[in-house]
Protein backbone atom coordinates (compact mmCIF):
# COMPACT_ATOMS: atom_id res chain seq x y z
CA UNK A 1 54.08 75.28 107.30
CA UNK A 2 56.31 74.45 110.26
CA UNK A 3 54.86 71.49 112.17
CA UNK A 4 57.35 71.52 115.03
CA UNK A 5 55.64 71.42 118.44
CA UNK A 6 57.86 73.81 120.36
CA UNK A 7 60.85 75.88 119.35
CA UNK A 8 62.65 76.88 122.55
CA UNK A 9 64.89 73.82 122.90
CA UNK A 10 65.61 73.74 119.16
CA UNK A 11 66.73 77.37 119.23
CA UNK A 12 69.23 76.42 121.94
CA UNK A 13 70.51 73.53 119.82
CA UNK A 14 70.81 75.79 116.79
CA UNK A 15 72.80 78.42 118.72
CA UNK A 16 75.12 75.71 120.05
CA UNK A 17 75.62 74.54 116.45
CA UNK A 18 76.47 78.09 115.32
CA UNK A 19 79.09 78.45 118.03
CA UNK A 20 80.69 74.99 117.97
CA UNK A 21 80.40 74.01 114.28
CA UNK A 22 80.06 77.29 112.37
CA UNK A 23 82.52 79.06 114.71
CA UNK A 24 80.49 82.26 114.75
CA UNK A 25 81.52 84.87 117.30
CA UNK A 26 79.74 84.93 120.68
CA UNK A 27 78.32 88.37 119.82
CA UNK A 28 76.79 87.07 116.56
CA UNK A 29 75.36 83.98 118.26
CA UNK A 30 73.88 86.16 120.99
CA UNK A 31 72.27 88.50 118.43
CA UNK A 32 70.75 85.56 116.50
CA UNK A 33 69.43 84.14 119.76
CA UNK A 34 67.73 87.42 120.68
CA UNK A 35 66.20 87.67 117.19
CA UNK A 36 64.85 84.11 117.23
CA UNK A 37 63.44 84.33 120.74
CA UNK A 38 61.79 87.67 119.94
CA UNK A 39 60.08 86.08 116.92
CA UNK A 40 58.80 83.03 118.82
CA UNK A 41 57.67 85.22 121.72
CA UNK A 42 55.60 87.18 119.18
CA UNK A 43 54.09 84.19 117.35
CA UNK A 44 53.97 81.82 120.35
CA UNK A 45 56.53 79.13 121.07
CA UNK A 46 54.22 76.32 119.98
CA UNK A 47 52.74 78.12 116.97
CA UNK A 48 52.58 76.44 113.56
CA UNK A 49 54.63 79.00 111.62
CA UNK A 50 53.82 79.64 107.97
CA UNK A 51 54.91 82.22 105.41
CA UNK A 52 51.91 84.47 106.05
CA UNK A 53 52.84 84.61 109.74
CA UNK A 54 56.43 85.59 108.92
CA UNK A 55 55.14 88.34 106.61
CA UNK A 56 52.86 89.63 109.39
CA UNK A 57 55.89 89.74 111.66
CA UNK A 58 57.78 91.81 109.10
CA UNK A 59 54.81 94.18 108.93
CA UNK A 60 54.84 94.41 112.72
CA UNK A 61 58.54 95.33 112.67
CA UNK A 62 57.89 97.93 109.99
CA UNK A 63 55.15 99.54 112.07
CA UNK A 64 57.57 99.54 115.02
CA UNK A 65 60.04 101.55 112.87
CA UNK A 66 62.67 98.80 112.97
CA UNK A 67 65.59 99.61 110.67
CA UNK A 68 65.73 97.67 107.40
CA UNK A 69 69.16 96.31 108.25
CA UNK A 70 67.84 94.96 111.57
CA UNK A 71 64.84 93.36 109.86
CA UNK A 72 67.12 91.66 107.35
CA UNK A 73 69.30 90.34 110.18
CA UNK A 74 66.19 88.90 111.87
CA UNK A 75 65.09 87.27 108.61
CA UNK A 76 68.60 85.88 108.16
CA UNK A 77 68.44 84.37 111.64
CA UNK A 78 65.10 82.73 110.83
CA UNK A 79 66.32 81.40 107.48
CA UNK A 80 69.39 79.85 109.09
CA UNK A 81 67.30 78.34 111.87
CA UNK A 82 64.88 76.67 109.47
CA UNK A 83 67.72 75.37 107.27
CA UNK A 84 69.05 73.73 110.43
CA UNK A 85 65.64 72.21 111.23
CA UNK A 86 65.34 70.84 107.68
CA UNK A 87 68.79 69.20 107.94
CA UNK A 88 67.73 67.71 111.28
CA UNK A 89 64.54 66.41 109.56
CA UNK A 90 62.39 68.27 112.09
CA UNK A 91 60.47 70.18 109.40
CA UNK A 92 59.99 69.58 105.70
CA UNK A 93 60.18 73.17 104.45
CA UNK A 94 60.99 76.69 105.56
CA UNK A 95 58.24 79.30 106.01
CA UNK A 96 60.83 82.02 105.38
CA UNK A 97 61.71 80.96 101.82
CA UNK A 98 58.94 83.05 100.31
CA UNK A 99 59.85 86.21 102.23
CA UNK A 100 62.21 88.65 100.53
CA UNK A 101 64.79 90.76 102.29
CA UNK A 102 63.94 94.40 102.85
CA UNK A 103 65.45 96.86 100.38
CA UNK A 104 67.39 99.67 101.94
CA UNK A 105 69.96 102.21 100.89
CA UNK A 106 73.47 101.41 102.03
CA UNK A 107 75.02 104.21 104.05
CA UNK A 108 78.64 104.96 103.27
CA UNK A 109 80.79 104.85 106.40
CA UNK A 110 82.59 107.87 107.79
CA UNK A 111 86.28 108.07 106.97
CA UNK A 112 89.14 110.27 108.07
CA UNK A 113 91.20 112.09 105.49
CA UNK A 114 94.95 111.56 105.55
CA UNK A 115 95.51 114.99 107.07
CA UNK A 116 93.05 114.15 109.86
CA UNK A 117 94.97 110.95 110.56
CA UNK A 118 98.26 112.84 110.64
CA UNK A 119 96.91 115.32 113.18
CA UNK A 120 95.38 112.61 115.34
CA UNK A 121 98.67 110.73 115.50
CA UNK A 122 100.61 113.77 116.65
CA UNK A 123 100.16 112.96 120.34
CA UNK A 124 102.76 114.77 122.45
CA UNK A 125 104.38 113.29 125.54
CA UNK A 126 106.47 110.28 126.51
CA UNK A 127 104.41 109.10 129.50
CA UNK A 128 102.64 105.71 129.49
CA UNK A 129 99.22 107.07 128.48
CA UNK A 130 100.48 109.21 125.61
CA UNK A 131 102.75 106.51 124.18
CA UNK A 132 100.05 103.84 124.52
CA UNK A 133 97.39 106.00 122.87
CA UNK A 134 99.73 106.80 120.00
CA UNK A 135 100.36 103.07 119.46
CA UNK A 136 96.63 102.30 119.59
CA UNK A 137 95.85 104.80 116.83
CA UNK A 138 98.89 103.77 114.78
CA UNK A 139 97.92 100.09 115.04
CA UNK A 140 94.28 100.67 114.10
CA UNK A 141 95.28 102.71 111.07
CA UNK A 142 98.22 100.54 110.07
CA UNK A 143 96.34 97.23 110.22
CA UNK A 144 92.65 98.06 109.70
CA UNK A 145 91.78 95.62 112.47
CA UNK A 146 88.54 95.68 114.43
CA UNK A 147 88.59 97.03 117.98
CA UNK A 148 87.78 93.54 119.32
CA UNK A 149 90.81 92.24 117.43
CA UNK A 150 92.97 95.07 118.75
CA UNK A 151 92.14 94.42 122.40
CA UNK A 152 92.73 90.67 121.91
CA UNK A 153 96.31 91.16 120.68
CA UNK A 154 98.92 89.65 122.98
CA UNK A 155 102.66 90.23 122.96
CA UNK A 156 103.05 86.65 121.69
CA UNK A 157 100.95 87.50 118.61
CA UNK A 158 103.59 89.96 117.36
CA UNK A 159 106.41 89.01 115.02
CA UNK A 160 108.86 91.79 115.84
CA UNK A 161 111.33 90.81 113.11
CA UNK A 162 108.74 90.92 110.31
CA UNK A 163 106.58 93.70 111.77
CA UNK A 164 103.42 91.61 111.60
CA UNK A 165 100.65 90.57 113.98
CA UNK A 166 98.33 87.58 114.04
CA UNK A 167 94.88 88.90 114.84
CA UNK A 168 91.99 86.73 115.93
CA UNK A 169 89.02 87.69 113.77
CA UNK A 170 85.35 86.84 113.53
CA UNK A 171 84.42 83.18 113.48
CA UNK A 172 87.74 82.30 115.13
CA UNK A 173 89.54 83.04 111.89
CA UNK A 174 93.09 84.26 112.37
CA UNK A 175 94.85 86.41 109.79
CA UNK A 176 98.10 88.28 109.36
CA UNK A 177 98.26 92.09 109.42
CA UNK A 178 101.25 94.39 109.13
CA UNK A 179 102.66 97.31 111.08
CA UNK A 180 104.02 100.27 109.16
CA UNK A 181 107.25 102.00 110.22
CA UNK A 182 105.51 104.58 112.49
CA UNK A 183 103.54 101.81 114.22
CA UNK A 184 106.70 99.75 114.75
CA UNK A 185 108.44 102.79 116.24
CA UNK A 186 105.47 103.42 118.54
CA UNK A 187 105.55 99.76 119.60
CA UNK A 188 109.26 100.01 120.53
CA UNK A 189 108.50 103.07 122.66
CA UNK A 190 105.52 101.44 124.36
CA UNK A 191 106.78 97.99 125.35
CA UNK A 192 109.22 99.11 128.12
CA UNK A 193 106.52 101.32 129.64
CA UNK A 194 103.96 98.51 129.42
CA UNK A 195 106.25 95.98 131.07
CA UNK A 196 107.21 98.43 133.82
CA UNK A 197 103.54 99.14 134.63
CA UNK A 198 102.58 95.45 134.59
CA UNK A 199 105.33 94.51 137.04
CA UNK A 200 104.73 97.54 139.24
CA UNK A 201 101.06 96.69 139.82
CA UNK A 202 101.67 92.96 140.10
CA UNK A 203 100.26 91.97 136.71
CA UNK A 204 103.55 90.80 135.25
CA UNK A 205 101.93 87.74 133.67
CA UNK A 206 99.19 89.66 131.83
CA UNK A 207 99.22 88.72 128.15
CA UNK A 208 97.29 91.63 126.60
CA UNK A 209 99.40 94.07 124.61
CA UNK A 210 97.29 97.11 125.47
CA UNK A 211 96.91 97.80 129.19
CA UNK A 212 94.86 100.27 131.17
CA UNK A 213 96.34 102.36 133.96
CA UNK A 214 95.60 99.61 136.47
CA UNK A 215 97.69 97.11 134.50
CA UNK A 216 94.76 95.07 133.18
CA UNK A 217 93.83 94.47 129.56
CA UNK A 218 92.21 97.43 127.81
CA UNK A 219 88.57 96.90 126.75
CA UNK A 220 86.84 97.93 123.54
CA UNK A 221 84.98 100.60 125.48
CA UNK A 222 88.28 101.86 126.87
CA UNK A 223 89.68 102.20 123.34
CA UNK A 224 86.56 104.09 122.23
CA UNK A 225 86.96 106.55 125.11
CA UNK A 226 90.63 107.08 124.25
CA UNK A 227 89.72 107.86 120.65
CA UNK A 228 86.99 110.28 121.74
CA UNK A 229 89.52 112.09 123.91
CA UNK A 230 92.15 112.29 121.16
CA UNK A 231 89.62 113.40 118.54
CA UNK A 232 88.51 116.26 120.78
CA UNK A 233 92.12 117.27 121.44
CA UNK A 234 92.86 117.35 117.69
CA UNK A 235 89.59 119.22 116.96
CA UNK A 236 88.56 116.72 114.31
CA UNK A 237 84.92 117.28 113.32
CA UNK A 238 84.34 113.90 111.63
CA UNK A 239 82.37 111.42 113.73
CA UNK A 240 85.11 109.02 114.77
CA UNK A 241 85.05 105.60 116.41
CA UNK A 242 87.56 102.73 116.43
CA UNK A 243 85.85 101.40 113.29
CA UNK A 244 86.45 104.71 111.49
CA UNK A 245 90.15 103.80 111.37
CA UNK A 246 89.25 100.50 109.68
CA UNK A 247 87.17 102.35 107.07
CA UNK A 248 89.97 104.87 106.55
CA UNK A 249 92.61 102.14 106.21
CA UNK A 250 90.62 100.38 103.49
CA UNK A 251 89.81 103.57 101.62
CA UNK A 252 93.36 104.91 101.66
CA UNK A 253 95.06 101.70 100.51
CA UNK A 254 92.54 101.29 97.70
CA UNK A 255 93.06 104.94 96.78
CA UNK A 256 96.75 104.21 96.35
CA UNK A 257 96.19 101.32 93.99
CA UNK A 258 95.93 98.20 96.20
CA UNK A 259 94.07 95.25 94.70
CA UNK A 260 90.62 94.91 96.25
CA UNK A 261 91.13 91.20 96.94
CA UNK A 262 94.28 91.97 98.90
CA UNK A 263 92.32 94.51 100.94
CA UNK A 264 89.60 91.90 101.48
CA UNK A 265 92.23 89.55 102.91
CA UNK A 266 93.75 92.25 105.12
CA UNK A 267 90.34 93.19 106.51
CA UNK A 268 89.26 89.59 107.02
CA UNK A 269 86.06 89.98 105.01
CA UNK A 270 84.36 86.70 104.13
CA UNK A 271 82.92 88.10 100.88
CA UNK A 272 84.20 90.61 98.35
CA UNK A 273 80.91 92.55 98.38
CA UNK A 274 81.64 93.82 101.89
CA UNK A 275 84.97 95.24 100.74
CA UNK A 276 83.53 96.81 97.58
CA UNK A 277 81.84 99.61 99.54
CA UNK A 278 85.28 101.16 99.96
CA UNK A 279 85.66 101.58 96.21
CA UNK A 280 83.04 104.33 96.51
CA UNK A 281 84.96 106.20 99.19
CA UNK A 282 87.96 107.56 97.29
CA UNK A 283 86.50 111.00 97.71
CA UNK A 284 89.72 113.00 97.87
CA UNK A 285 90.91 111.55 94.57
CA UNK A 286 87.48 112.00 92.96
CA UNK A 287 87.34 115.64 93.96
CA UNK A 288 90.88 116.31 92.68
CA UNK A 289 90.10 114.71 89.32
CA UNK A 290 86.84 116.65 89.08
CA UNK A 291 88.59 119.93 89.86
CA UNK A 292 91.18 119.27 87.14
CA UNK A 293 88.89 117.86 84.46
CA UNK A 294 85.58 119.73 84.67
CA UNK A 295 85.35 123.16 83.01
CA UNK A 296 83.64 124.58 86.09
CA UNK A 297 85.44 122.33 88.58
CA UNK A 298 88.05 124.81 89.74
CA UNK A 299 86.11 125.77 92.86
CA UNK A 300 85.53 122.18 93.97
CA UNK A 301 88.69 122.00 96.05
CA UNK A 302 87.54 124.86 98.24
CA UNK A 303 84.02 123.57 98.84
CA UNK A 304 82.90 122.97 102.39
CA UNK A 305 82.09 119.34 101.59
CA UNK A 306 83.02 116.79 98.97
CA UNK A 307 80.75 115.34 96.30
CA UNK A 308 79.05 112.96 98.74
CA UNK A 309 78.47 115.50 101.47
CA UNK A 310 81.29 114.25 103.69
CA UNK A 311 83.39 116.68 105.65
CA UNK A 312 86.49 118.18 104.11
CA UNK A 313 89.97 117.40 105.41
CA UNK A 314 91.04 119.31 108.48
CA UNK A 315 93.68 121.06 106.41
CA UNK A 316 90.82 122.76 104.54
CA UNK A 317 88.87 123.74 107.64
CA UNK A 318 89.22 126.77 109.83
CA UNK A 319 89.71 125.51 113.34
CA UNK A 320 87.96 127.35 116.16
């Protein structure tokens, strides 16, 4: 049983520890803070917390139709908090140790097929917006970086000679990613337009690589809106977000024989298990092998969906 008198101030200390010592991202620290405060608001800030109380809280979340993944995140926040209290000698044991994580089926992420990517990247025009949007999509697909990493890229982060970028990942961990030939060509086209806009609107000292029309740094929401616009223009039916390019990057490089640990490094995953989900997403290759090897597999290539129910490539769809 937790014998601590009040938890509010200790939650603040724990969150400060996560940010300053563990180097977790502000978004992660904020989410953990919300989870912890929600728990102590439910049990009472001065409550003596025991395992039975934590289990009742899990039951409460279940009745509230909270997703299993969200419940596990809340339990993870509580486990980390009590480990911190034990190290600080504020409690002797954790009431969360006897509570198991919630089992849930892992949903495979949406990916774009290579033909979808090709069509999305065929953005006509040589104006600032068209060239910038083409570079955004090329960079997301070429590097597999997160949208937060994309919007944080500065011109100084780019090694033009080597075609590489230092991206600033989760937990303040930097890593090196690479630009393919089409992305490097798009970058060469974009930089003069970017610099011209920045100087014209008086933002010549802005460091962000990707700018909006007003000359300021592009936000994650701005990138999402650009992708929505380009997906509609290309008539791509697959649900697509900035993260879809990251999923597609990982799936396609693994499909072509890349070592999973190399992909883990390129994606900036802390653990290999996070990367392993992409080994299940080589759907195009699986369908081709099935069509060739199974006695009744000849019709598989023309099916309206692949073996997991995902959408077929745009080359196999009839566009409206």
